Amino acid sequence: MAQFDPFNDRAARDLRNLLSTGMVEALLRGDDAPFAAATKRAEGLAATPAHREYIAGRKELFSRVKEEIGPEAGTWEIACALWNHGGFFEVHEVLEEAWRKSAGAEKDILQAMIRAAGVMVHRAAGREEAAAKMAARARDTLAGLADRLPFAEPGRLIAWLADPQDSPPRLWLGLLGG
């Protein structure tokens, strides 16, 4: 069976973008309707078993993240839940919205976290060189701003970015530990 490859398959890229946009909008608004509409449209566009499997996986991701966050969850809570459940492209989408509206160190942190999520997107596609470059850039920025990161134990994320061969660490906000 062909793999789901949004880097080389336009239909896969379109499905990924459609579903991630709907998921992020739904999570940020606390309203399932945008994701339900995106899912319905994606199911009508799915042309291969890999497409259908991807859609099923995104439905499962959405359900798991919704169970974990409350209806008033903010950007960082949503991003952490997505990260911890493997929704790295969606992490990028959630944080990009905040990045556009931010400035200074906050903007730098958001961009570095977008890159950190991009490490896993590239690794999943077998693009190890691109992942390594992104990891280095994210690590350098986050290391310089470690005292301003909203995560408990930010050193774990920074250490992982130095050698992102294993699974990424779980992210916890504040003093939750992990």
N, C-alpha and C. Protein backbone atom coordinates (compact mmCIF):
# COMPACT_ATOMS: atom_id res chain seq x y z
N MET A 1 0.85 -1.17 0.00
CA MET A 1 0.00 0.00 0.00
C MET A 1 0.89 1.24 0.00
N ALA A 2 0.51 2.23 -0.78
CA ALA A 2 1.24 3.49 -0.83
C ALA A 2 1.11 4.22 0.50
N GLN A 3 2.16 4.94 0.86
CA GLN A 3 2.14 5.70 2.10
C GLN A 3 1.50 7.06 1.89
N PHE A 4 1.06 7.64 2.98
CA PHE A 4 0.53 9.00 2.97
C PHE A 4 1.73 9.93 2.94
N ASP A 5 1.92 10.67 1.85
CA ASP A 5 3.12 11.48 1.66
C ASP A 5 2.78 12.89 1.21
N PRO A 6 2.53 13.80 2.16
CA PRO A 6 2.16 15.16 1.78
C PRO A 6 3.29 15.96 1.14
N PHE A 7 4.54 15.46 1.19
CA PHE A 7 5.65 16.16 0.55
C PHE A 7 5.68 15.91 -0.96
N ASN A 8 5.15 14.75 -1.38
CA ASN A 8 5.22 14.39 -2.80
C ASN A 8 3.88 14.10 -3.46
N ASP A 9 2.81 14.13 -2.69
CA ASP A 9 1.47 13.82 -3.20
C ASP A 9 0.56 15.00 -2.89
N ARG A 10 0.17 15.72 -3.93
CA ARG A 10 -0.65 16.92 -3.75
C ARG A 10 -1.96 16.62 -3.03
N ALA A 11 -2.59 15.50 -3.36
CA ALA A 11 -3.86 15.14 -2.71
C ALA A 11 -3.64 14.91 -1.21
N ALA A 12 -2.56 14.25 -0.85
CA ALA A 12 -2.25 14.03 0.57
C ALA A 12 -2.00 15.36 1.27
N ARG A 13 -1.27 16.25 0.62
CA ARG A 13 -1.00 17.57 1.21
C ARG A 13 -2.30 18.34 1.42
N ASP A 14 -3.18 18.29 0.43
CA ASP A 14 -4.47 18.98 0.56
C ASP A 14 -5.30 18.42 1.71
N LEU A 15 -5.32 17.09 1.84
CA LEU A 15 -6.06 16.46 2.94
C LEU A 15 -5.46 16.84 4.29
N ARG A 16 -4.14 16.77 4.39
CA ARG A 16 -3.48 17.15 5.64
C ARG A 16 -3.83 18.59 6.02
N ASN A 17 -3.72 19.50 5.06
CA ASN A 17 -3.98 20.91 5.34
C ASN A 17 -5.44 21.16 5.71
N LEU A 18 -6.35 20.52 4.99
CA LEU A 18 -7.78 20.66 5.27
C LEU A 18 -8.11 20.18 6.68
N LEU A 19 -7.63 18.99 7.03
CA LEU A 19 -7.92 18.43 8.34
C LEU A 19 -7.25 19.20 9.47
N SER A 20 -6.01 19.62 9.26
CA SER A 20 -5.33 20.34 10.33
C SER A 20 -5.97 21.70 10.56
N THR A 21 -6.38 22.37 9.50
CA THR A 21 -7.05 23.66 9.66
C THR A 21 -8.36 23.49 10.42
N GLY A 22 -9.15 22.50 10.05
CA GLY A 22 -10.40 22.24 10.74
C GLY A 22 -10.19 21.85 12.19
N MET A 23 -9.17 21.02 12.45
CA MET A 23 -8.89 20.58 13.81
C MET A 23 -8.46 21.75 14.69
N VAL A 24 -7.56 22.55 14.19
CA VAL A 24 -7.05 23.68 14.98
C VAL A 24 -8.17 24.68 15.26
N GLU A 25 -8.96 24.97 14.25
CA GLU A 25 -10.08 25.90 14.46
C GLU A 25 -11.05 25.35 15.51
N ALA A 26 -11.36 24.07 15.41
CA ALA A 26 -12.28 23.46 16.36
C ALA A 26 -11.72 23.50 17.78
N LEU A 27 -10.44 23.17 17.94
CA LEU A 27 -9.84 23.16 19.27
C LEU A 27 -9.74 24.56 19.85
N LEU A 28 -9.37 25.53 19.05
CA LEU A 28 -9.25 26.90 19.55
C LEU A 28 -10.62 27.50 19.90
N ARG A 29 -11.65 27.14 19.14
CA ARG A 29 -12.99 27.67 19.39
C ARG A 29 -13.76 26.86 20.42
N GLY A 30 -13.31 25.64 20.69
CA GLY A 30 -14.07 24.78 21.60
C GLY A 30 -15.36 24.31 20.97
N ASP A 31 -15.34 24.12 19.66
CA ASP A 31 -16.54 23.77 18.88
C ASP A 31 -16.13 22.73 17.84
N ASP A 32 -16.73 21.56 17.87
CA ASP A 32 -16.36 20.47 16.96
C ASP A 32 -16.72 20.73 15.50
N ALA A 33 -17.61 21.67 15.22
CA ALA A 33 -18.15 21.85 13.87
C ALA A 33 -17.08 22.04 12.79
N PRO A 34 -16.04 22.86 13.00
CA PRO A 34 -15.05 23.01 11.92
C PRO A 34 -14.34 21.71 11.57
N PHE A 35 -14.04 20.90 12.59
CA PHE A 35 -13.37 19.63 12.29
C PHE A 35 -14.33 18.64 11.65
N ALA A 36 -15.57 18.63 12.09
CA ALA A 36 -16.57 17.74 11.49
C ALA A 36 -16.76 18.07 10.01
N ALA A 37 -16.83 19.35 9.69
CA ALA A 37 -16.99 19.75 8.29
C ALA A 37 -15.76 19.39 7.47
N ALA A 38 -14.57 19.61 8.03
CA ALA A 38 -13.34 19.27 7.32
C ALA A 38 -13.23 17.77 7.10
N THR A 39 -13.62 17.00 8.11
CA THR A 39 -13.56 15.54 8.00
C THR A 39 -14.51 15.04 6.92
N LYS A 40 -15.72 15.57 6.90
CA LYS A 40 -16.69 15.16 5.89
C LYS A 40 -16.17 15.46 4.49
N ARG A 41 -15.62 16.65 4.31
CA ARG A 41 -15.06 17.02 3.00
C ARG A 41 -13.88 16.13 2.65
N ALA A 42 -12.99 15.87 3.62
CA ALA A 42 -11.82 15.03 3.37
C ALA A 42 -12.22 13.62 2.98
N GLU A 43 -13.23 13.08 3.64
CA GLU A 43 -13.69 11.73 3.31
C GLU A 43 -14.19 11.66 1.87
N GLY A 44 -14.78 12.74 1.39
CA GLY A 44 -15.22 12.78 0.00
C GLY A 44 -14.07 12.90 -1.00
N LEU A 45 -12.93 13.40 -0.53
CA LEU A 45 -11.77 13.57 -1.41
C LEU A 45 -10.78 12.41 -1.34
N ALA A 46 -10.89 11.59 -0.31
CA ALA A 46 -9.94 10.50 -0.11
C ALA A 46 -9.96 9.54 -1.29
N ALA A 47 -8.80 9.37 -1.92
CA ALA A 47 -8.72 8.55 -3.13
C ALA A 47 -8.02 7.22 -2.91
N THR A 48 -7.31 7.07 -1.81
CA THR A 48 -6.52 5.86 -1.60
C THR A 48 -6.75 5.33 -0.18
N PRO A 49 -6.39 4.08 0.05
CA PRO A 49 -6.44 3.56 1.42
C PRO A 49 -5.56 4.37 2.37
N ALA A 50 -4.41 4.86 1.91
CA ALA A 50 -3.53 5.67 2.76
C ALA A 50 -4.23 6.97 3.17
N HIS A 51 -4.99 7.56 2.26
CA HIS A 51 -5.74 8.77 2.58
C HIS A 51 -6.79 8.47 3.65
N ARG A 52 -7.51 7.38 3.47
CA ARG A 52 -8.55 7.02 4.43
C ARG A 52 -7.96 6.69 5.81
N GLU A 53 -6.82 6.03 5.81
CA GLU A 53 -6.15 5.71 7.07
C GLU A 53 -5.69 6.99 7.78
N TYR A 54 -5.19 7.95 7.03
CA TYR A 54 -4.76 9.22 7.60
C TYR A 54 -5.95 9.94 8.23
N ILE A 55 -7.07 9.97 7.53
CA ILE A 55 -8.27 10.63 8.06
C ILE A 55 -8.70 9.96 9.36
N ALA A 56 -8.71 8.64 9.40
CA ALA A 56 -9.08 7.92 10.62
C ALA A 56 -8.13 8.27 11.76
N GLY A 57 -6.84 8.38 11.46
CA GLY A 57 -5.86 8.74 12.48
C GLY A 57 -6.07 10.14 13.01
N ARG A 58 -6.46 11.07 12.14
CA ARG A 58 -6.70 12.45 12.57
C ARG A 58 -7.96 12.53 13.42
N LYS A 59 -8.97 11.73 13.10
CA LYS A 59 -10.16 11.68 13.94
C LYS A 59 -9.80 11.19 15.34
N GLU A 60 -8.97 10.16 15.40
CA GLU A 60 -8.54 9.63 16.69
C GLU A 60 -7.71 10.68 17.45
N LEU A 61 -6.81 11.37 16.77
CA LEU A 61 -6.01 12.42 17.40
C LEU A 61 -6.93 13.50 17.98
N PHE A 62 -7.88 13.95 17.20
CA PHE A 62 -8.81 14.98 17.66
C PHE A 62 -9.54 14.53 18.92
N SER A 63 -10.03 13.30 18.92
CA SER A 63 -10.75 12.77 20.09
C SER A 63 -9.86 12.73 21.32
N ARG A 64 -8.63 12.26 21.17
CA ARG A 64 -7.72 12.17 22.31
C ARG A 64 -7.38 13.54 22.87
N VAL A 65 -7.12 14.50 21.97
CA VAL A 65 -6.76 15.84 22.43
C VAL A 65 -7.95 16.50 23.10
N LYS A 66 -9.13 16.35 22.52
CA LYS A 66 -10.35 16.93 23.14
C LYS A 66 -10.59 16.38 24.53
N GLU A 67 -10.33 15.09 24.73
CA GLU A 67 -10.50 14.49 26.05
C GLU A 67 -9.55 15.09 27.07
N GLU A 68 -8.39 15.50 26.60
CA GLU A 68 -7.34 15.98 27.51
C GLU A 68 -7.49 17.46 27.87
N ILE A 69 -7.99 18.26 26.96
CA ILE A 69 -8.07 19.70 27.21
C ILE A 69 -9.49 20.09 27.57
N GLY A 70 -9.62 21.21 28.22
CA GLY A 70 -10.95 21.73 28.54
C GLY A 70 -11.43 22.65 27.43
N PRO A 71 -12.69 23.04 27.50
CA PRO A 71 -13.26 23.91 26.45
C PRO A 71 -12.64 25.31 26.42
N GLU A 72 -11.99 25.72 27.49
CA GLU A 72 -11.36 27.04 27.55
C GLU A 72 -9.86 26.96 27.36
N ALA A 73 -9.35 25.86 26.83
CA ALA A 73 -7.91 25.67 26.67
C ALA A 73 -7.33 26.75 25.77
N GLY A 74 -6.14 27.19 26.14
CA GLY A 74 -5.44 28.19 25.36
C GLY A 74 -4.46 27.55 24.39
N THR A 75 -3.76 28.39 23.69
CA THR A 75 -2.83 27.95 22.65
C THR A 75 -1.81 26.94 23.17
N TRP A 76 -1.16 27.27 24.30
CA TRP A 76 -0.12 26.37 24.79
C TRP A 76 -0.69 25.04 25.28
N GLU A 77 -1.86 25.04 25.92
CA GLU A 77 -2.47 23.79 26.36
C GLU A 77 -2.80 22.90 25.16
N ILE A 78 -3.35 23.52 24.13
CA ILE A 78 -3.69 22.76 22.92
C ILE A 78 -2.43 22.24 22.25
N ALA A 79 -1.41 23.10 22.14
CA ALA A 79 -0.16 22.68 21.49
C ALA A 79 0.50 21.53 22.24
N CYS A 80 0.52 21.61 23.57
CA CYS A 80 1.11 20.52 24.35
C CYS A 80 0.35 19.21 24.18
N ALA A 81 -0.97 19.28 24.22
CA ALA A 81 -1.77 18.07 24.04
C ALA A 81 -1.54 17.47 22.65
N LEU A 82 -1.53 18.31 21.62
CA LEU A 82 -1.25 17.81 20.27
C LEU A 82 0.14 17.18 20.19
N TRP A 83 1.13 17.86 20.75
CA TRP A 83 2.51 17.35 20.76
C TRP A 83 2.56 15.98 21.42
N ASN A 84 1.96 15.89 22.60
CA ASN A 84 2.03 14.64 23.37
C ASN A 84 1.29 13.49 22.71
N HIS A 85 0.40 13.80 21.78
CA HIS A 85 -0.33 12.74 21.07
C HIS A 85 0.16 12.59 19.62
N GLY A 86 1.27 13.22 19.29
CA GLY A 86 1.88 13.03 17.97
C GLY A 86 1.31 13.88 16.86
N GLY A 87 0.56 14.91 17.18
CA GLY A 87 -0.01 15.80 16.16
C GLY A 87 0.93 16.96 15.85
N PHE A 88 2.10 16.65 15.32
CA PHE A 88 3.15 17.66 15.16
C PHE A 88 2.83 18.68 14.08
N PHE A 89 2.20 18.28 13.00
CA PHE A 89 1.81 19.27 11.99
C PHE A 89 0.77 20.22 12.58
N GLU A 90 -0.14 19.69 13.37
CA GLU A 90 -1.16 20.52 14.00
C GLU A 90 -0.55 21.45 15.05
N VAL A 91 0.50 21.01 15.75
CA VAL A 91 1.21 21.90 16.67
C VAL A 91 1.70 23.12 15.90
N HIS A 92 2.28 22.86 14.76
CA HIS A 92 2.76 23.95 13.89
C HIS A 92 1.62 24.91 13.57
N GLU A 93 0.47 24.37 13.21
CA GLU A 93 -0.67 25.20 12.84
C GLU A 93 -1.19 26.03 14.01
N VAL A 94 -1.30 25.43 15.18
CA VAL A 94 -1.78 26.14 16.37
C VAL A 94 -0.83 27.28 16.72
N LEU A 95 0.45 26.97 16.76
CA LEU A 95 1.42 27.98 17.18
C LEU A 95 1.62 29.06 16.12
N GLU A 96 1.43 28.72 14.87
CA GLU A 96 1.59 29.73 13.81
C GLU A 96 0.58 30.86 13.96
N GLU A 97 -0.63 30.53 14.38
CA GLU A 97 -1.64 31.57 14.61
C GLU A 97 -1.16 32.55 15.68
N ALA A 98 -0.63 32.03 16.77
CA ALA A 98 -0.13 32.88 17.85
C ALA A 98 1.12 33.64 17.41
N TRP A 99 1.98 32.98 16.65
CA TRP A 99 3.23 33.59 16.18
C TRP A 99 2.96 34.85 15.36
N ARG A 100 1.95 34.79 14.51
CA ARG A 100 1.62 35.94 13.67
C ARG A 100 1.26 37.18 14.49
N LYS A 101 0.73 36.97 15.69
CA LYS A 101 0.27 38.08 16.53
C LYS A 101 1.28 38.48 17.60
N SER A 102 2.42 37.82 17.65
CA SER A 102 3.36 38.03 18.75
C SER A 102 4.54 38.90 18.33
N ALA A 103 5.38 39.22 19.30
CA ALA A 103 6.59 40.02 19.06
C ALA A 103 7.66 39.62 20.06
N GLY A 104 8.89 40.01 19.78
CA GLY A 104 10.00 39.82 20.70
C GLY A 104 10.29 38.37 21.03
N ALA A 105 10.62 38.11 22.30
CA ALA A 105 10.99 36.77 22.75
C ALA A 105 9.85 35.78 22.56
N GLU A 106 8.61 36.24 22.77
CA GLU A 106 7.47 35.34 22.56
C GLU A 106 7.43 34.84 21.13
N LYS A 107 7.66 35.73 20.17
CA LYS A 107 7.67 35.35 18.76
C LYS A 107 8.79 34.35 18.48
N ASP A 108 9.96 34.60 19.08
CA ASP A 108 11.10 33.68 18.90
C ASP A 108 10.80 32.30 19.46
N ILE A 109 10.19 32.25 20.65
CA ILE A 109 9.84 30.97 21.26
C ILE A 109 8.83 30.21 20.40
N LEU A 110 7.82 30.91 19.95
CA LEU A 110 6.81 30.27 19.11
C LEU A 110 7.43 29.73 17.82
N GLN A 111 8.29 30.52 17.19
CA GLN A 111 8.93 30.06 15.96
C GLN A 111 9.81 28.84 16.23
N ALA A 112 10.53 28.85 17.34
CA ALA A 112 11.37 27.70 17.68
C ALA A 112 10.53 26.46 17.94
N MET A 113 9.39 26.62 18.57
CA MET A 113 8.52 25.47 18.82
C MET A 113 7.88 24.96 17.52
N ILE A 114 7.59 25.87 16.61
CA ILE A 114 7.10 25.46 15.29
C ILE A 114 8.17 24.61 14.61
N ARG A 115 9.40 25.05 14.71
CA ARG A 115 10.52 24.27 14.13
C ARG A 115 10.68 22.93 14.85
N ALA A 116 10.55 22.93 16.18
CA ALA A 116 10.67 21.67 16.93
C ALA A 116 9.62 20.67 16.46
N ALA A 117 8.40 21.13 16.25
CA ALA A 117 7.36 20.24 15.72
C ALA A 117 7.70 19.82 14.30
N GLY A 118 8.28 20.73 13.53
CA GLY A 118 8.69 20.42 12.16
C GLY A 118 9.73 19.32 12.09
N VAL A 119 10.53 19.19 13.15
CA VAL A 119 11.52 18.11 13.20
C VAL A 119 10.81 16.77 13.03
N MET A 120 9.72 16.59 13.76
CA MET A 120 9.00 15.32 13.69
C MET A 120 8.25 15.16 12.38
N VAL A 121 7.76 16.24 11.81
CA VAL A 121 7.09 16.17 10.50
C VAL A 121 8.10 15.69 9.46
N HIS A 122 9.29 16.27 9.48
CA HIS A 122 10.32 15.87 8.51
C HIS A 122 10.82 14.45 8.78
N ARG A 123 11.00 14.09 10.05
CA ARG A 123 11.45 12.72 10.35
C ARG A 123 10.44 11.69 9.86
N ALA A 124 9.16 11.98 10.04
CA ALA A 124 8.12 11.03 9.60
C ALA A 124 8.17 10.81 8.09
N ALA A 125 8.65 11.81 7.37
CA ALA A 125 8.75 11.71 5.92
C ALA A 125 10.11 11.21 5.47
N GLY A 126 10.97 10.84 6.42
CA GLY A 126 12.30 10.35 6.06
C GLY A 126 13.26 11.45 5.63
N ARG A 127 12.97 12.66 5.98
CA ARG A 127 13.79 13.81 5.60
C ARG A 127 14.70 14.20 6.77
N GLU A 128 15.66 13.33 7.06
CA GLU A 128 16.50 13.47 8.24
C GLU A 128 17.39 14.72 8.19
N GLU A 129 17.91 15.07 7.02
CA GLU A 129 18.77 16.26 6.93
C GLU A 129 17.98 17.53 7.25
N ALA A 130 16.78 17.64 6.70
CA ALA A 130 15.93 18.80 7.00
C ALA A 130 15.56 18.82 8.48
N ALA A 131 15.28 17.65 9.04
CA ALA A 131 14.93 17.56 10.46
C ALA A 131 16.11 18.02 11.33
N ALA A 132 17.31 17.60 10.99
CA ALA A 132 18.49 17.98 11.78
C ALA A 132 18.72 19.49 11.74
N LYS A 133 18.55 20.09 10.58
CA LYS A 133 18.73 21.54 10.47
C LYS A 133 17.68 22.29 11.30
N MET A 134 16.45 21.82 11.24
CA MET A 134 15.39 22.46 12.03
C MET A 134 15.64 22.29 13.52
N ALA A 135 16.08 21.10 13.91
CA ALA A 135 16.35 20.84 15.31
C ALA A 135 17.43 21.77 15.85
N ALA A 136 18.49 21.97 15.08
CA ALA A 136 19.59 22.85 15.52
C ALA A 136 19.11 24.28 15.71
N ARG A 137 18.32 24.76 14.77
CA ARG A 137 17.81 26.14 14.88
C ARG A 137 16.86 26.29 16.06
N ALA A 138 15.99 25.31 16.25
CA ALA A 138 15.06 25.37 17.38
C ALA A 138 15.81 25.29 18.69
N ARG A 139 16.76 24.37 18.77
CA ARG A 139 17.54 24.19 20.00
C ARG A 139 18.28 25.47 20.38
N ASP A 140 18.94 26.09 19.43
CA ASP A 140 19.70 27.30 19.72
C ASP A 140 18.80 28.40 20.30
N THR A 141 17.65 28.59 19.69
CA THR A 141 16.73 29.63 20.17
C THR A 141 16.17 29.27 21.54
N LEU A 142 15.70 28.04 21.70
CA LEU A 142 15.10 27.64 22.98
C LEU A 142 16.12 27.63 24.11
N ALA A 143 17.35 27.24 23.82
CA ALA A 143 18.39 27.24 24.86
C ALA A 143 18.65 28.67 25.35
N GLY A 144 18.61 29.62 24.44
CA GLY A 144 18.83 31.01 24.81
C GLY A 144 17.67 31.63 25.57
N LEU A 145 16.51 31.00 25.48
CA LEU A 145 15.31 31.54 26.14
C LEU A 145 14.71 30.55 27.13
N ALA A 146 15.49 29.59 27.59
CA ALA A 146 14.99 28.50 28.43
C ALA A 146 14.23 28.99 29.66
N ASP A 147 14.69 30.10 30.23
CA ASP A 147 14.03 30.61 31.43
C ASP A 147 12.66 31.23 31.14
N ARG A 148 12.33 31.40 29.88
CA ARG A 148 11.05 32.00 29.50
C ARG A 148 10.08 30.99 28.90
N LEU A 149 10.50 29.74 28.79
CA LEU A 149 9.63 28.72 28.20
C LEU A 149 8.52 28.35 29.18
N PRO A 150 7.32 28.09 28.67
CA PRO A 150 6.19 27.80 29.56
C PRO A 150 6.15 26.35 30.04
N PHE A 151 7.16 25.56 29.73
CA PHE A 151 7.15 24.14 30.05
C PHE A 151 7.87 23.84 31.34
N ALA A 152 7.39 22.82 32.04
CA ALA A 152 8.15 22.25 33.13
C ALA A 152 9.33 21.51 32.48
N GLU A 153 10.46 21.57 33.09
CA GLU A 153 11.65 20.86 32.61
C GLU A 153 11.97 21.14 31.14
N PRO A 154 12.16 22.40 30.76
CA PRO A 154 12.46 22.71 29.35
C PRO A 154 13.76 22.11 28.86
N GLY A 155 14.66 21.79 29.78
CA GLY A 155 15.93 21.18 29.39
C GLY A 155 15.76 19.85 28.67
N ARG A 156 14.69 19.13 28.99
CA ARG A 156 14.44 17.84 28.31
C ARG A 156 14.19 18.06 26.82
N LEU A 157 13.40 19.08 26.49
CA LEU A 157 13.12 19.38 25.09
C LEU A 157 14.39 19.86 24.39
N ILE A 158 15.13 20.72 25.04
CA ILE A 158 16.36 21.25 24.45
C ILE A 158 17.38 20.13 24.24
N ALA A 159 17.50 19.22 25.19
CA ALA A 159 18.41 18.08 25.05
C ALA A 159 17.97 17.18 23.90
N TRP A 160 16.68 16.95 23.78
CA TRP A 160 16.19 16.12 22.67
C TRP A 160 16.52 16.76 21.33
N LEU A 161 16.37 18.06 21.23
CA LEU A 161 16.67 18.76 19.97
C LEU A 161 18.14 18.65 19.60
N ALA A 162 19.01 18.44 20.58
CA ALA A 162 20.44 18.26 20.30
C ALA A 162 20.69 16.94 19.59
N ASP A 163 19.81 15.96 19.81
CA ASP A 163 19.95 14.65 19.17
C ASP A 163 18.57 14.02 19.06
N PRO A 164 17.76 14.49 18.10
CA PRO A 164 16.35 14.05 18.02
C PRO A 164 16.15 12.69 17.36
N GLN A 165 16.87 11.69 17.82
CA GLN A 165 16.73 10.36 17.24
C GLN A 165 15.62 9.56 17.89
N ASP A 166 15.42 9.77 19.17
CA ASP A 166 14.37 9.05 19.90
C ASP A 166 13.05 9.81 19.77
N SER A 167 12.05 9.29 20.43
CA SER A 167 10.77 9.99 20.48
C SER A 167 10.96 11.28 21.26
N PRO A 168 10.22 12.31 20.91
CA PRO A 168 10.36 13.58 21.63
C PRO A 168 9.80 13.46 23.05
N PRO A 169 10.30 14.31 23.95
CA PRO A 169 9.77 14.26 25.32
C PRO A 169 8.35 14.80 25.36
N ARG A 170 7.61 14.36 26.36
CA ARG A 170 6.28 14.93 26.58
C ARG A 170 6.46 16.35 27.09
N LEU A 171 5.51 17.21 26.76
CA LEU A 171 5.54 18.59 27.20
C LEU A 171 4.46 18.80 28.25
N TRP A 172 4.83 19.47 29.32
CA TRP A 172 3.91 19.79 30.40
C TRP A 172 4.03 21.28 30.68
N LEU A 173 2.93 21.92 30.87
CA LEU A 173 2.96 23.34 31.19
C LEU A 173 3.24 23.55 32.67
N GLY A 174 3.87 24.66 32.99
CA GLY A 174 4.08 25.05 34.38
C GLY A 174 4.90 24.06 35.15
N LEU A 175 4.41 23.69 36.31
CA LEU A 175 5.17 22.85 37.22
C LEU A 175 4.59 21.44 37.32
N LEU A 176 3.99 20.97 36.25
CA LEU A 176 3.35 19.65 36.29
C LEU A 176 4.35 18.51 36.32
N GLY A 177 5.58 18.74 35.90
CA GLY A 177 6.58 17.68 35.85
C GLY A 177 6.35 16.80 34.65
N GLY A 178 7.02 15.70 34.58
CA GLY A 178 6.78 14.90 33.42
C GLY A 178 7.67 13.76 33.30
